[in-house]
Every structure is written in structure tokens, then in C-alpha cells.
Amino acid sequence: MTADVAAGYCGEKHVEDFLERVGTTYPKPRIVDSTRRKFWYRDDLDKAMNLGTVTATSGLGAKFRDKIREKRNGSAA
């Protein structure tokens, strides 16, 4: 995704704020076509924001994930 889309995906209000954090908070773009065309992968941004990593094993979120897992595996809920 381009810088403006990546900024919105990460919750930044301005593209400039996103670009200031690239290399520290956010990863550098994976594809650089030119100085103006840079592209980030969603997976890289997710890792930077710790999305997709489940650390909590209890609570309502865990119960919900367990129910979804049961439905996917074909077990009765």
C-alpha cells in the first residue's frame, strides 16, 4: 500500500506523521519504485503494531476465539 493508505491503516491522522515514524515505529517500505513511489506490505505493518499476535489466554476475547475455532473445526459450539 502507498504511504497515504498505510498511514490511514496505522491510524495516523497525517501522512507526514506516518513517514516520520518509518524506520522506528513502522517498517521501511518493502518496494521502492522511485523516491516518490514506495509501498508497504500489510503484514509488515501488522507486525509493527503487534496485530495478529494473541497474547491473552483468558477473558471474553479468548472465549470468542475458542468458539470461532470450534465452528471452523466442525465441532458443536
PDB file of N, CA and C in Angstrom:
ATOM      1  N   MET A   1       0.840  -1.167   0.000  1.00  0.00           N
ATOM      2  CA  MET A   1       0.000   0.000   0.000  1.00  0.00           C
ATOM      3  C   MET A   1       0.885   1.230   0.000  1.00  0.00           C
ATOM      4  N   THR A   2       0.352   2.302  -0.528  1.00  0.00           N
ATOM      5  CA  THR A   2       1.107   3.540  -0.594  1.00  0.00           C
ATOM      6  C   THR A   2       1.162   4.196   0.778  1.00  0.00           C
ATOM      7  N   ALA A   3       1.954   5.253   0.898  1.00  0.00           N
ATOM      8  CA  ALA A   3       2.159   5.910   2.192  1.00  0.00           C
ATOM      9  C   ALA A   3       0.860   6.455   2.764  1.00  0.00           C
ATOM     10  N   ASP A   4       0.018   7.050   1.923  1.00  0.00           N
ATOM     11  CA  ASP A   4      -1.230   7.616   2.446  1.00  0.00           C
ATOM     12  C   ASP A   4      -2.184   6.527   2.928  1.00  0.00           C
ATOM     13  N   VAL A   5      -2.238   5.428   2.232  1.00  0.00           N
ATOM     14  CA  VAL A   5      -3.084   4.306   2.651  1.00  0.00           C
ATOM     15  C   VAL A   5      -2.503   3.658   3.904  1.00  0.00           C
ATOM     16  N   ALA A   6      -1.196   3.484   3.935  1.00  0.00           N
ATOM     17  CA  ALA A   6      -0.541   2.886   5.095  1.00  0.00           C
ATOM     18  C   ALA A   6      -0.734   3.754   6.335  1.00  0.00           C
ATOM     19  N   ALA A   7      -0.671   5.069   6.164  1.00  0.00           N
ATOM     20  CA  ALA A   7      -0.884   5.984   7.293  1.00  0.00           C
ATOM     21  C   ALA A   7      -2.285   5.812   7.860  1.00  0.00           C
ATOM     22  N   GLY A   8      -3.273   5.754   7.001  1.00  0.00           N
ATOM     23  CA  GLY A   8      -4.645   5.542   7.445  1.00  0.00           C
ATOM     24  C   GLY A   8      -4.821   4.185   8.094  1.00  0.00           C
ATOM     25  N   TYR A   9      -4.191   3.170   7.534  1.00  0.00           N
ATOM     26  CA  TYR A   9      -4.280   1.819   8.095  1.00  0.00           C
ATOM     27  C   TYR A   9      -3.698   1.770   9.506  1.00  0.00           C
ATOM     28  N   CYS A  10      -2.637   2.524   9.728  1.00  0.00           N
ATOM     29  CA  CYS A  10      -1.982   2.542  11.041  1.00  0.00           C
ATOM     30  C   CYS A  10      -2.651   3.498  12.016  1.00  0.00           C
ATOM     31  N   GLY A  11      -3.642   4.263  11.544  1.00  0.00           N
ATOM     32  CA  GLY A  11      -4.350   5.171  12.428  1.00  0.00           C
ATOM     33  C   GLY A  11      -3.716   6.531  12.563  1.00  0.00           C
ATOM     34  N   GLU A  12      -2.786   6.841  11.702  1.00  0.00           N
ATOM     35  CA  GLU A  12      -2.156   8.163  11.728  1.00  0.00           C
ATOM     36  C   GLU A  12      -3.065   9.178  11.050  1.00  0.00           C
ATOM     37  N   LYS A  13      -3.147  10.375  11.617  1.00  0.00           N
ATOM     38  CA  LYS A  13      -4.005  11.411  11.049  1.00  0.00           C
ATOM     39  C   LYS A  13      -3.390  12.034   9.796  1.00  0.00           C
ATOM     40  N   HIS A  14      -2.076  12.063   9.738  1.00  0.00           N
ATOM     41  CA  HIS A  14      -1.390  12.701   8.617  1.00  0.00           C
ATOM     42  C   HIS A  14      -0.316  11.777   8.064  1.00  0.00           C
ATOM     43  N   VAL A  15      -0.123  11.833   6.773  1.00  0.00           N
ATOM     44  CA  VAL A  15       0.900  11.019   6.119  1.00  0.00           C
ATOM     45  C   VAL A  15       2.278  11.398   6.658  1.00  0.00           C
ATOM     46  N   GLU A  16       2.474  12.674   6.919  1.00  0.00           N
ATOM     47  CA  GLU A  16       3.762  13.147   7.416  1.00  0.00           C
ATOM     48  C   GLU A  16       4.108  12.495   8.763  1.00  0.00           C
ATOM     49  N   ASP A  17       3.091  12.331   9.628  1.00  0.00           N
ATOM     50  CA  ASP A  17       3.316  11.675  10.923  1.00  0.00           C
ATOM     51  C   ASP A  17       3.759  10.231  10.723  1.00  0.00           C
ATOM     52  N   PHE A  18       3.117   9.556   9.774  1.00  0.00           N
ATOM     53  CA  PHE A  18       3.487   8.178   9.460  1.00  0.00           C
ATOM     54  C   PHE A  18       4.925   8.123   8.952  1.00  0.00           C
ATOM     55  N   LEU A  19       5.246   8.995   8.006  1.00  0.00           N
ATOM     56  CA  LEU A  19       6.575   8.973   7.398  1.00  0.00           C
ATOM     57  C   LEU A  19       7.673   9.307   8.406  1.00  0.00           C
ATOM     58  N   GLU A  20       7.370  10.150   9.403  1.00  0.00           N
ATOM     59  CA  GLU A  20       8.356  10.461  10.442  1.00  0.00           C
ATOM     60  C   GLU A  20       8.681   9.232  11.284  1.00  0.00           C
ATOM     61  N   ARG A  21       7.734   8.323  11.415  1.00  0.00           N
ATOM     62  CA  ARG A  21       7.924   7.136  12.257  1.00  0.00           C
ATOM     63  C   ARG A  21       8.432   5.922  11.479  1.00  0.00           C
ATOM     64  N   VAL A  22       8.533   6.055  10.161  1.00  0.00           N
ATOM     65  CA  VAL A  22       9.058   4.955   9.348  1.00  0.00           C
ATOM     66  C   VAL A  22      10.530   4.756   9.695  1.00  0.00           C
ATOM     67  N   GLY A  23      10.878   3.516   9.953  1.00  0.00           N
ATOM     68  CA  GLY A  23      12.244   3.179  10.336  1.00  0.00           C
ATOM     69  C   GLY A  23      12.398   3.034  11.841  1.00  0.00           C
ATOM     70  N   THR A  24      11.432   3.557  12.607  1.00  0.00           N
ATOM     71  CA  THR A  24      11.471   3.389  14.064  1.00  0.00           C
ATOM     72  C   THR A  24      10.246   2.587  14.499  1.00  0.00           C
ATOM     73  N   THR A  25       9.082   3.227  14.501  1.00  0.00           N
ATOM     74  CA  THR A  25       7.847   2.552  14.893  1.00  0.00           C
ATOM     75  C   THR A  25       7.328   1.661  13.774  1.00  0.00           C
ATOM     76  N   TYR A  26       7.362   2.182  12.565  1.00  0.00           N
ATOM     77  CA  TYR A  26       6.861   1.452  11.399  1.00  0.00           C
ATOM     78  C   TYR A  26       8.028   1.007  10.531  1.00  0.00           C
ATOM     79  N   PRO A  27       7.844  -0.101   9.801  1.00  0.00           N
ATOM     80  CA  PRO A  27       8.935  -0.605   8.959  1.00  0.00           C
ATOM     81  C   PRO A  27       9.152   0.264   7.734  1.00  0.00           C
ATOM     82  N   LYS A  28      10.328   0.120   7.159  1.00  0.00           N
ATOM     83  CA  LYS A  28      10.620   0.796   5.898  1.00  0.00           C
ATOM     84  C   LYS A  28       9.825   0.111   4.794  1.00  0.00           C
ATOM     85  N   PRO A  29       9.541   0.809   3.714  1.00  0.00           N
ATOM     86  CA  PRO A  29       8.768   0.186   2.632  1.00  0.00           C
ATOM     87  C   PRO A  29       9.523  -0.996   2.045  1.00  0.00           C
ATOM     88  N   ARG A  30       8.771  -1.988   1.645  1.00  0.00           N
ATOM     89  CA  ARG A  30       9.402  -3.173   1.076  1.00  0.00           C
ATOM     90  C   ARG A  30       9.710  -2.968  -0.399  1.00  0.00           C
ATOM     91  N   ILE A  31       8.887  -2.182  -1.085  1.00  0.00           N
ATOM     92  CA  ILE A  31       9.100  -1.925  -2.507  1.00  0.00           C
ATOM     93  C   ILE A  31       9.294  -0.428  -2.694  1.00  0.00           C
ATOM     94  N   VAL A  32      10.382  -0.064  -3.371  1.00  0.00           N
ATOM     95  CA  VAL A  32      10.647   1.343  -3.669  1.00  0.00           C
ATOM     96  C   VAL A  32      10.846   1.451  -5.174  1.00  0.00           C
ATOM     97  N   ASP A  33       9.824   1.992  -5.865  1.00  0.00           N
ATOM     98  CA  ASP A  33       9.923   2.181  -7.315  1.00  0.00           C
ATOM     99  C   ASP A  33      10.729   3.428  -7.647  1.00  0.00           C
ATOM    100  N   SER A  34      10.554   4.462  -6.851  1.00  0.00           N
ATOM    101  CA  SER A  34      11.282   5.718  -7.032  1.00  0.00           C
ATOM    102  C   SER A  34      11.243   6.455  -5.699  1.00  0.00           C
ATOM    103  N   THR A  35      11.767   7.656  -5.666  1.00  0.00           N
ATOM    104  CA  THR A  35      11.748   8.410  -4.410  1.00  0.00           C
ATOM    105  C   THR A  35      10.331   8.777  -4.006  1.00  0.00           C
ATOM    106  N   ARG A  36       9.423   8.823  -4.944  1.00  0.00           N
ATOM    107  CA  ARG A  36       8.038   9.193  -4.640  1.00  0.00           C
ATOM    108  C   ARG A  36       7.103   8.007  -4.529  1.00  0.00           C
ATOM    109  N   ARG A  37       7.480   6.873  -5.078  1.00  0.00           N
ATOM    110  CA  ARG A  37       6.605   5.690  -5.061  1.00  0.00           C
ATOM    111  C   ARG A  37       7.199   4.610  -4.183  1.00  0.00           C
ATOM    112  N   LYS A  38       6.630   4.490  -2.988  1.00  0.00           N
ATOM    113  CA  LYS A  38       7.070   3.482  -2.032  1.00  0.00           C
ATOM    114  C   LYS A  38       5.848   2.694  -1.584  1.00  0.00           C
ATOM    115  N   PHE A  39       6.046   1.408  -1.319  1.00  0.00           N
ATOM    116  CA  PHE A  39       4.934   0.539  -0.977  1.00  0.00           C
ATOM    117  C   PHE A  39       5.249  -0.291   0.267  1.00  0.00           C
ATOM    118  N   TRP A  40       4.264  -0.372   1.156  1.00  0.00           N
ATOM    119  CA  TRP A  40       4.360  -1.162   2.380  1.00  0.00           C
ATOM    120  C   TRP A  40       3.439  -2.357   2.262  1.00  0.00           C
ATOM    121  N   TYR A  41       3.851  -3.471   2.868  1.00  0.00           N
ATOM    122  CA  TYR A  41       3.003  -4.660   2.938  1.00  0.00           C
ATOM    123  C   TYR A  41       2.212  -4.615   4.239  1.00  0.00           C
ATOM    124  N   ARG A  42       0.963  -5.025   4.168  1.00  0.00           N
ATOM    125  CA  ARG A  42       0.106  -5.030   5.349  1.00  0.00           C
ATOM    126  C   ARG A  42       0.688  -5.903   6.450  1.00  0.00           C
ATOM    127  N   ASP A  43       1.235  -7.051   6.087  1.00  0.00           N
ATOM    128  CA  ASP A  43       1.815  -7.955   7.085  1.00  0.00           C
ATOM    129  C   ASP A  43       2.932  -7.273   7.871  1.00  0.00           C
ATOM    130  N   ASP A  44       3.754  -6.486   7.195  1.00  0.00           N
ATOM    131  CA  ASP A  44       4.836  -5.776   7.874  1.00  0.00           C
ATOM    132  C   ASP A  44       4.281  -4.753   8.862  1.00  0.00           C
ATOM    133  N   LEU A  45       3.235  -4.037   8.458  1.00  0.00           N
ATOM    134  CA  LEU A  45       2.631  -3.045   9.342  1.00  0.00           C
ATOM    135  C   LEU A  45       1.935  -3.725  10.518  1.00  0.00           C
ATOM    136  N   ASP A  46       1.281  -4.862  10.260  1.00  0.00           N
ATOM    137  CA  ASP A  46       0.629  -5.607  11.339  1.00  0.00           C
ATOM    138  C   ASP A  46       1.650  -6.041  12.391  1.00  0.00           C
ATOM    139  N   LYS A  47       2.796  -6.519  11.938  1.00  0.00           N
ATOM    140  CA  LYS A  47       3.837  -6.939  12.878  1.00  0.00           C
ATOM    141  C   LYS A  47       4.332  -5.755  13.697  1.00  0.00           C
ATOM    142  N   ALA A  48       4.484  -4.614  13.061  1.00  0.00           N
ATOM    143  CA  ALA A  48       4.960  -3.422  13.767  1.00  0.00           C
ATOM    144  C   ALA A  48       3.964  -2.967  14.824  1.00  0.00           C
ATOM    145  N   MET A  49       2.677  -3.182  14.571  1.00  0.00           N
ATOM    146  CA  MET A  49       1.640  -2.764  15.517  1.00  0.00           C
ATOM    147  C   MET A  49       1.196  -3.912  16.414  1.00  0.00           C
ATOM    148  N   ASN A  50       1.877  -5.055  16.316  1.00  0.00           N
ATOM    149  CA  ASN A  50       1.557  -6.249  17.105  1.00  0.00           C
ATOM    150  C   ASN A  50       0.133  -6.732  16.869  1.00  0.00           C
ATOM    151  N   LEU A  51      -0.337  -6.630  15.661  1.00  0.00           N
ATOM    152  CA  LEU A  51      -1.649  -7.159  15.315  1.00  0.00           C
ATOM    153  C   LEU A  51      -1.493  -8.607  14.888  1.00  0.00           C
ATOM    154  N   GLY A  52      -2.479  -9.392  15.222  1.00  0.00           N
ATOM    155  CA  GLY A  52      -2.445 -10.797  14.826  1.00  0.00           C
ATOM    156  C   GLY A  52      -1.719 -11.679  15.806  1.00  0.00           C
ATOM    157  N   THR A  53      -1.089 -11.072  16.814  1.00  0.00           N
ATOM    158  CA  THR A  53      -0.450 -11.876  17.838  1.00  0.00           C
ATOM    159  C   THR A  53      -1.364 -11.907  19.047  1.00  0.00           C
ATOM    160  N   VAL A  54      -1.767 -13.085  19.431  1.00  0.00           N
ATOM    161  CA  VAL A  54      -2.690 -13.242  20.547  1.00  0.00           C
ATOM    162  C   VAL A  54      -1.867 -13.540  21.788  1.00  0.00           C
ATOM    163  N   THR A  55      -1.950 -12.642  22.772  1.00  0.00           N
ATOM    164  CA  THR A  55      -1.196 -12.856  23.997  1.00  0.00           C
ATOM    165  C   THR A  55      -2.111 -13.211  25.155  1.00  0.00           C
ATOM    166  N   ALA A  56      -3.360 -12.745  25.120  1.00  0.00           N
ATOM    167  CA  ALA A  56      -4.282 -13.025  26.218  1.00  0.00           C
ATOM    168  C   ALA A  56      -4.866 -14.423  26.045  1.00  0.00           C
ATOM    169  N   THR A  57      -4.898 -15.182  27.111  1.00  0.00           N
ATOM    170  CA  THR A  57      -5.442 -16.534  27.041  1.00  0.00           C
ATOM    171  C   THR A  57      -6.731 -16.656  27.832  1.00  0.00           C
ATOM    172  N   SER A  58      -7.175 -15.562  28.446  1.00  0.00           N
ATOM    173  CA  SER A  58      -8.414 -15.609  29.201  1.00  0.00           C
ATOM    174  C   SER A  58      -9.246 -14.385  28.852  1.00  0.00           C
ATOM    175  N   GLY A  59     -10.457 -14.370  29.332  1.00  0.00           N
ATOM    176  CA  GLY A  59     -11.320 -13.230  29.080  1.00  0.00           C
ATOM    177  C   GLY A  59     -12.270 -13.488  27.929  1.00  0.00           C
ATOM    178  N   LEU A  60     -13.055 -12.480  27.635  1.00  0.00           N
ATOM    179  CA  LEU A  60     -14.082 -12.598  26.613  1.00  0.00           C
ATOM    180  C   LEU A  60     -13.497 -12.848  25.224  1.00  0.00           C
ATOM    181  N   GLY A  61     -12.377 -12.186  24.914  1.00  0.00           N
ATOM    182  CA  GLY A  61     -11.743 -12.385  23.607  1.00  0.00           C
ATOM    183  C   GLY A  61     -11.309 -13.814  23.390  1.00  0.00           C
ATOM    184  N   ALA A  62     -10.752 -14.413  24.420  1.00  0.00           N
ATOM    185  CA  ALA A  62     -10.308 -15.809  24.322  1.00  0.00           C
ATOM    186  C   ALA A  62     -11.496 -16.741  24.127  1.00  0.00           C
ATOM    187  N   LYS A  63     -12.595 -16.483  24.825  1.00  0.00           N
ATOM    188  CA  LYS A  63     -13.795 -17.309  24.669  1.00  0.00           C
ATOM    189  C   LYS A  63     -14.338 -17.199  23.251  1.00  0.00           C
ATOM    190  N   PHE A  64     -14.343 -15.983  22.733  1.00  0.00           N
ATOM    191  CA  PHE A  64     -14.819 -15.763  21.364  1.00  0.00           C
ATOM    192  C   PHE A  64     -13.940 -16.518  20.367  1.00  0.00           C
ATOM    193  N   ARG A  65     -12.611 -16.423  20.507  1.00  0.00           N
ATOM    194  CA  ARG A  65     -11.703 -17.133  19.600  1.00  0.00           C
ATOM    195  C   ARG A  65     -11.912 -18.639  19.693  1.00  0.00           C
ATOM    196  N   ASP A  66     -12.155 -19.146  20.901  1.00  0.00           N
ATOM    197  CA  ASP A  66     -12.395 -20.581  21.072  1.00  0.00           C
ATOM    198  C   ASP A  66     -13.662 -21.021  20.342  1.00  0.00           C
ATOM    199  N   LYS A  67     -14.717 -20.210  20.432  1.00  0.00           N
ATOM    200  CA  LYS A  67     -15.976 -20.545  19.745  1.00  0.00           C
ATOM    201  C   LYS A  67     -15.786 -20.545  18.233  1.00  0.00           C
ATOM    202  N   ILE A  68     -15.080 -19.547  17.723  1.00  0.00           N
ATOM    203  CA  ILE A  68     -14.810 -19.488  16.276  1.00  0.00           C
ATOM    204  C   ILE A  68     -13.994 -20.698  15.848  1.00  0.00           C
ATOM    205  N   ARG A  69     -12.990 -21.049  16.630  1.00  0.00           N
ATOM    206  CA  ARG A  69     -12.147 -22.210  16.320  1.00  0.00           C
ATOM    207  C   ARG A  69     -12.985 -23.489  16.294  1.00  0.00           C
ATOM    208  N   GLU A  70     -13.920 -23.627  17.239  1.00  0.00           N
ATOM    209  CA  GLU A  70     -14.789 -24.795  17.277  1.00  0.00           C
ATOM    210  C   GLU A  70     -15.652 -24.881  16.021  1.00  0.00           C
ATOM    211  N   LYS A  71     -16.205 -23.750  15.618  1.00  0.00           N
ATOM    212  CA  LYS A  71     -17.055 -23.730  14.412  1.00  0.00           C
ATOM    213  C   LYS A  71     -16.249 -24.072  13.170  1.00  0.00           C
ATOM    214  N   ARG A  72     -15.032 -23.572  13.080  1.00  0.00           N
ATOM    215  CA  ARG A  72     -14.181 -23.853  11.921  1.00  0.00           C
ATOM    216  C   ARG A  72     -13.808 -25.317  11.854  1.00  0.00           C
ATOM    217  N   ASN A  73     -13.621 -25.936  13.009  1.00  0.00           N
ATOM    218  CA  ASN A  73     -13.234 -27.345  13.047  1.00  0.00           C
ATOM    219  C   ASN A  73     -14.425 -28.284  12.921  1.00  0.00           C
ATOM    220  N   GLY A  74     -15.628 -27.725  12.890  1.00  0.00           N
ATOM    221  CA  GLY A  74     -16.818 -28.544  12.722  1.00  0.00           C
ATOM    222  C   GLY A  74     -17.351 -29.120  14.010  1.00  0.00           C
ATOM    223  N   SER A  75     -16.829 -28.692  15.140  1.00  0.00           N
ATOM    224  CA  SER A  75     -17.321 -29.174  16.429  1.00  0.00           C
ATOM    225  C   SER A  75     -18.573 -28.416  16.812  1.00  0.00           C
ATOM    226  N   ALA A  76     -19.361 -29.004  17.659  1.00  0.00           N
ATOM    227  CA  ALA A  76     -20.565 -28.327  18.147  1.00  0.00           C
ATOM    228  C   ALA A  76     -20.178 -27.252  19.137  1.00  0.00           C
ATOM    229  N   ALA A  77     -20.829 -26.106  19.038  1.00  0.00           N
ATOM    230  CA  ALA A  77     -20.490 -24.990  19.903  1.00  0.00           C
ATOM    231  C   ALA A  77     -21.194 -25.071  21.227  1.00  0.00           C
TER     232      ALA A  77
END
